[in-house]
Amino acid sequence: MKPPVILILCTGNSCRSHLAEGILQAALGDKYRVESAGSKPAGYVHPLGIKAMAEIGIDISDHRSKHLDEFLNDQVETVITVCGNADQACPVFPGQLNRHHWGFDDPAHATGSEDEQMAVFRRVRDEIRRVFEAYAAGLLDAAKRANA
């Protein structure tokens, strides 16, 4: 049986959704398939996002920016939007059971020196980490209770 799909959406799919995808996949392991996509993909994953994730031991360097249409034929169980624009543009996926919206600042808009930008990436990464690790813990606890 295929693992349930959790799709994380953001407009550009260059940063926040990739941070969340990496963190959630690491927390859930192979019990779920976590993907990210965007309604208007930027076409790249932000290098400072990759760097911020490497700092916590999660490698997202092989991620790519994808359009949400790539997942319209998948059995997406849960959709999570991490920016307001994606929340408004989010379609309903076949088989979708859950939908959540947790908005975060876009670190790709950070200005200043690379150190100043990295401070913003770290802050957003850590905010995303708190929310998504708590969500993962809840999912894993519910699965344990269902299988007990």
C-alpha atoms as a PDB file:
ATOM      1  CA  MET A   1       0.000   0.000   0.000  1.00  0.00           C
ATOM      2  CA  LYS A   2       1.280   3.452  -0.934  1.00  0.00           C
ATOM      3  CA  PRO A   3       1.894   5.910   1.908  1.00  0.00           C
ATOM      4  CA  PRO A   4      -0.577   8.804   2.199  1.00  0.00           C
ATOM      5  CA  VAL A   5       0.462  11.952   0.309  1.00  0.00           C
ATOM      6  CA  ILE A   6       0.764  15.283   2.110  1.00  0.00           C
ATOM      7  CA  LEU A   7       1.125  18.212  -0.299  1.00  0.00           C
ATOM      8  CA  ILE A   8       2.510  21.520   0.950  1.00  0.00           C
ATOM      9  CA  LEU A   9       1.635  24.503  -1.236  1.00  0.00           C
ATOM     10  CA  CYS A  10       3.083  27.975  -1.576  1.00  0.00           C
ATOM     11  CA  THR A  11       2.831  30.377  -4.487  1.00  0.00           C
ATOM     12  CA  GLY A  12       6.430  30.209  -5.756  1.00  0.00           C
ATOM     13  CA  ASN A  13       7.497  26.828  -4.358  1.00  0.00           C
ATOM     14  CA  SER A  14      11.017  28.208  -3.883  1.00  0.00           C
ATOM     15  CA  CYS A  15      11.385  28.392  -0.131  1.00  0.00           C
ATOM     16  CA  ARG A  16       8.728  27.996   2.594  1.00  0.00           C
ATOM     17  CA  SER A  17       7.078  24.931   1.100  1.00  0.00           C
ATOM     18  CA  HIS A  18      10.474  23.253   0.634  1.00  0.00           C
ATOM     19  CA  LEU A  19      11.480  24.017   4.224  1.00  0.00           C
ATOM     20  CA  ALA A  20       8.199  22.500   5.414  1.00  0.00           C
ATOM     21  CA  GLU A  21       8.502  19.500   3.071  1.00  0.00           C
ATOM     22  CA  GLY A  22      12.001  18.687   4.287  1.00  0.00           C
ATOM     23  CA  ILE A  23      11.126  19.070   7.956  1.00  0.00           C
ATOM     24  CA  LEU A  24       7.878  17.108   7.722  1.00  0.00           C
ATOM     25  CA  GLN A  25       9.392  14.264   5.685  1.00  0.00           C
ATOM     26  CA  ALA A  26      12.259  13.972   8.174  1.00  0.00           C
ATOM     27  CA  ALA A  27       9.787  13.864  11.079  1.00  0.00           C
ATOM     28  CA  LEU A  28       7.436  11.321   9.464  1.00  0.00           C
ATOM     29  CA  GLY A  29       9.945   9.020   7.792  1.00  0.00           C
ATOM     30  CA  ASP A  30       8.559   6.605   5.232  1.00  0.00           C
ATOM     31  CA  LYS A  31       5.061   6.457   6.741  1.00  0.00           C
ATOM     32  CA  TYR A  32       3.987   9.375   4.525  1.00  0.00           C
ATOM     33  CA  ARG A  33       5.021  10.840   1.172  1.00  0.00           C
ATOM     34  CA  VAL A  34       5.531  14.576   1.565  1.00  0.00           C
ATOM     35  CA  GLU A  35       5.693  16.803  -1.515  1.00  0.00           C
ATOM     36  CA  SER A  36       5.610  20.523  -2.181  1.00  0.00           C
ATOM     37  CA  ALA A  37       4.416  22.586  -5.113  1.00  0.00           C
ATOM     38  CA  GLY A  38       3.321  26.069  -6.090  1.00  0.00           C
ATOM     39  CA  SER A  39       0.550  27.821  -7.984  1.00  0.00           C
ATOM     40  CA  LYS A  40       3.179  29.941  -9.790  1.00  0.00           C
ATOM     41  CA  PRO A  41       6.476  28.062  -9.345  1.00  0.00           C
ATOM     42  CA  ALA A  42       9.634  30.166  -9.353  1.00  0.00           C
ATOM     43  CA  GLY A  43      11.592  27.456 -11.146  1.00  0.00           C
ATOM     44  CA  TYR A  44      14.280  27.110  -8.470  1.00  0.00           C
ATOM     45  CA  VAL A  45      14.770  26.307  -4.792  1.00  0.00           C
ATOM     46  CA  HIS A  46      16.277  29.265  -2.958  1.00  0.00           C
ATOM     47  CA  PRO A  47      19.955  28.594  -2.157  1.00  0.00           C
ATOM     48  CA  LEU A  48      19.663  30.178   1.301  1.00  0.00           C
ATOM     49  CA  GLY A  49      16.767  27.835   2.061  1.00  0.00           C
ATOM     50  CA  ILE A  50      18.976  24.886   1.123  1.00  0.00           C
ATOM     51  CA  LYS A  51      21.731  26.307   3.350  1.00  0.00           C
ATOM     52  CA  ALA A  52      19.371  26.897   6.294  1.00  0.00           C
ATOM     53  CA  MET A  53      18.107  23.323   6.100  1.00  0.00           C
ATOM     54  CA  ALA A  54      21.627  21.890   5.870  1.00  0.00           C
ATOM     55  CA  GLU A  55      22.345  23.634   9.184  1.00  0.00           C
ATOM     56  CA  ILE A  56      19.786  21.349  10.863  1.00  0.00           C
ATOM     57  CA  GLY A  57      20.915  18.239   9.010  1.00  0.00           C
ATOM     58  CA  ILE A  58      18.197  18.099   6.346  1.00  0.00           C
ATOM     59  CA  ASP A  59      19.322  18.001   2.709  1.00  0.00           C
ATOM     60  CA  ILE A  60      16.862  19.576   0.266  1.00  0.00           C
ATOM     61  CA  SER A  61      19.454  20.242  -2.432  1.00  0.00           C
ATOM     62  CA  ASP A  62      17.753  17.759  -4.772  1.00  0.00           C
ATOM     63  CA  HIS A  63      14.322  19.417  -4.470  1.00  0.00           C
ATOM     64  CA  ARG A  64      12.896  21.167  -7.511  1.00  0.00           C
ATOM     65  CA  SER A  65      10.232  23.818  -7.925  1.00  0.00           C
ATOM     66  CA  LYS A  66       7.002  22.169  -9.140  1.00  0.00           C
ATOM     67  CA  HIS A  67       3.532  23.282 -10.231  1.00  0.00           C
ATOM     68  CA  LEU A  68       0.610  21.986  -8.164  1.00  0.00           C
ATOM     69  CA  ASP A  69      -0.925  20.554 -11.358  1.00  0.00           C
ATOM     70  CA  GLU A  70       1.683  17.760 -11.184  1.00  0.00           C
ATOM     71  CA  PHE A  71      -0.296  16.323  -8.279  1.00  0.00           C
ATOM     72  CA  LEU A  72      -3.891  16.624  -9.550  1.00  0.00           C
ATOM     73  CA  ASN A  73      -3.994  12.901 -10.400  1.00  0.00           C
ATOM     74  CA  ASP A  74      -2.326  11.754  -7.163  1.00  0.00           C
ATOM     75  CA  GLN A  75      -4.267  10.584  -4.144  1.00  0.00           C
ATOM     76  CA  VAL A  76      -3.413  13.614  -2.016  1.00  0.00           C
ATOM     77  CA  GLU A  77      -4.786  13.017   1.485  1.00  0.00           C
ATOM     78  CA  THR A  78      -3.776  16.326   3.056  1.00  0.00           C
ATOM     79  CA  VAL A  79      -3.064  19.766   1.603  1.00  0.00           C
ATOM     80  CA  ILE A  80      -1.229  22.329   3.718  1.00  0.00           C
ATOM     81  CA  THR A  81      -0.790  25.886   2.479  1.00  0.00           C
ATOM     82  CA  VAL A  82       1.998  28.007   3.953  1.00  0.00           C
ATOM     83  CA  CYS A  83       1.191  31.346   2.290  1.00  0.00           C
ATOM     84  CA  GLY A  84      -2.025  33.274   1.814  1.00  0.00           C
ATOM     85  CA  ASN A  85      -1.943  33.351  -1.987  1.00  0.00           C
ATOM     86  CA  ALA A  86      -1.643  29.563  -2.231  1.00  0.00           C
ATOM     87  CA  ASP A  87      -4.477  29.180   0.265  1.00  0.00           C
ATOM     88  CA  GLN A  88      -6.743  31.238  -2.019  1.00  0.00           C
ATOM     89  CA  ALA A  89      -5.639  29.437  -5.216  1.00  0.00           C
ATOM     90  CA  CYS A  90      -5.719  25.936  -3.763  1.00  0.00           C
ATOM     91  CA  PRO A  91      -7.787  23.409  -5.727  1.00  0.00           C
ATOM     92  CA  VAL A  92      -9.421  20.369  -4.169  1.00  0.00           C
ATOM     93  CA  PHE A  93      -7.515  17.182  -4.943  1.00  0.00           C
ATOM     94  CA  PRO A  94      -9.167  13.794  -5.574  1.00  0.00           C
ATOM     95  CA  GLY A  95      -9.243  11.841  -2.318  1.00  0.00           C
ATOM     96  CA  GLN A  96      -8.338  14.896  -0.227  1.00  0.00           C
ATOM     97  CA  LEU A  97      -9.459  14.450   3.369  1.00  0.00           C
ATOM     98  CA  ASN A  98      -7.718  17.314   5.157  1.00  0.00           C
ATOM     99  CA  ARG A  99      -6.748  20.890   4.509  1.00  0.00           C
ATOM    100  CA  HIS A 100      -4.727  23.183   6.739  1.00  0.00           C
ATOM    101  CA  HIS A 101      -3.367  26.696   6.361  1.00  0.00           C
ATOM    102  CA  TRP A 102      -0.384  27.840   8.394  1.00  0.00           C
ATOM    103  CA  GLY A 103       1.048  31.082   7.034  1.00  0.00           C
ATOM    104  CA  PHE A 104       4.689  32.082   7.416  1.00  0.00           C
ATOM    105  CA  ASP A 105       6.729  35.107   6.330  1.00  0.00           C
ATOM    106  CA  ASP A 106       8.520  34.652   3.015  1.00  0.00           C
ATOM    107  CA  PRO A 107      12.264  34.667   3.716  1.00  0.00           C
ATOM    108  CA  ALA A 108      12.945  34.980  -0.024  1.00  0.00           C
ATOM    109  CA  HIS A 109      11.970  38.654   0.387  1.00  0.00           C
ATOM    110  CA  ALA A 110      14.637  39.265   3.046  1.00  0.00           C
ATOM    111  CA  THR A 111      17.030  42.100   2.274  1.00  0.00           C
ATOM    112  CA  GLY A 112      20.451  43.152   3.497  1.00  0.00           C
ATOM    113  CA  SER A 113      23.676  41.228   3.667  1.00  0.00           C
ATOM    114  CA  GLU A 114      23.732  37.451   3.303  1.00  0.00           C
ATOM    115  CA  ASP A 115      24.102  37.197   7.103  1.00  0.00           C
ATOM    116  CA  GLU A 116      21.018  39.378   7.589  1.00  0.00           C
ATOM    117  CA  GLN A 117      19.066  37.329   5.035  1.00  0.00           C
ATOM    118  CA  MET A 118      20.198  34.070   6.680  1.00  0.00           C
ATOM    119  CA  ALA A 119      18.870  35.332  10.012  1.00  0.00           C
ATOM    120  CA  VAL A 120      15.423  35.626   8.412  1.00  0.00           C
ATOM    121  CA  PHE A 121      15.719  32.181   6.782  1.00  0.00           C
ATOM    122  CA  ARG A 122      16.694  30.651  10.144  1.00  0.00           C
ATOM    123  CA  ARG A 123      13.805  32.345  11.944  1.00  0.00           C
ATOM    124  CA  VAL A 124      11.232  31.166   9.391  1.00  0.00           C
ATOM    125  CA  ARG A 125      12.803  27.683   9.258  1.00  0.00           C
ATOM    126  CA  ASP A 126      12.556  27.412  13.045  1.00  0.00           C
ATOM    127  CA  GLU A 127       8.923  28.632  13.043  1.00  0.00           C
ATOM    128  CA  ILE A 128       8.058  26.082  10.352  1.00  0.00           C
ATOM    129  CA  ARG A 129       9.949  23.396  12.270  1.00  0.00           C
ATOM    130  CA  ARG A 130       7.943  23.995  15.470  1.00  0.00           C
ATOM    131  CA  VAL A 131       4.604  23.786  13.664  1.00  0.00           C
ATOM    132  CA  PHE A 132       5.386  20.870  11.369  1.00  0.00           C
ATOM    133  CA  GLU A 133       7.168  18.732  13.965  1.00  0.00           C
ATOM    134  CA  ALA A 134       4.163  19.152  16.280  1.00  0.00           C
ATOM    135  CA  TYR A 135       1.851  18.219  13.396  1.00  0.00           C
ATOM    136  CA  ALA A 136       3.987  15.146  12.625  1.00  0.00           C
ATOM    137  CA  ALA A 137       3.918  14.064  16.273  1.00  0.00           C
ATOM    138  CA  GLY A 138       0.122  14.276  16.229  1.00  0.00           C
ATOM    139  CA  LEU A 139      -0.118  12.217  13.034  1.00  0.00           C
ATOM    140  CA  LEU A 140       2.217   9.552  14.341  1.00  0.00           C
ATOM    141  CA  ASP A 141       0.372   9.375  17.687  1.00  0.00           C
ATOM    142  CA  ALA A 142      -2.973   9.006  15.917  1.00  0.00           C
ATOM    143  CA  ALA A 143      -1.567   6.234  13.702  1.00  0.00           C
ATOM    144  CA  LYS A 144      -0.266   4.374  16.779  1.00  0.00           C
ATOM    145  CA  ARG A 145      -3.674   4.591  18.466  1.00  0.00           C
ATOM    146  CA  ALA A 146      -5.422   3.387  15.307  1.00  0.00           C
ATOM    147  CA  ASN A 147      -3.104   0.374  15.070  1.00  0.00           C
ATOM    148  CA  ALA A 148      -3.254  -0.503  18.782  1.00  0.00           C
END
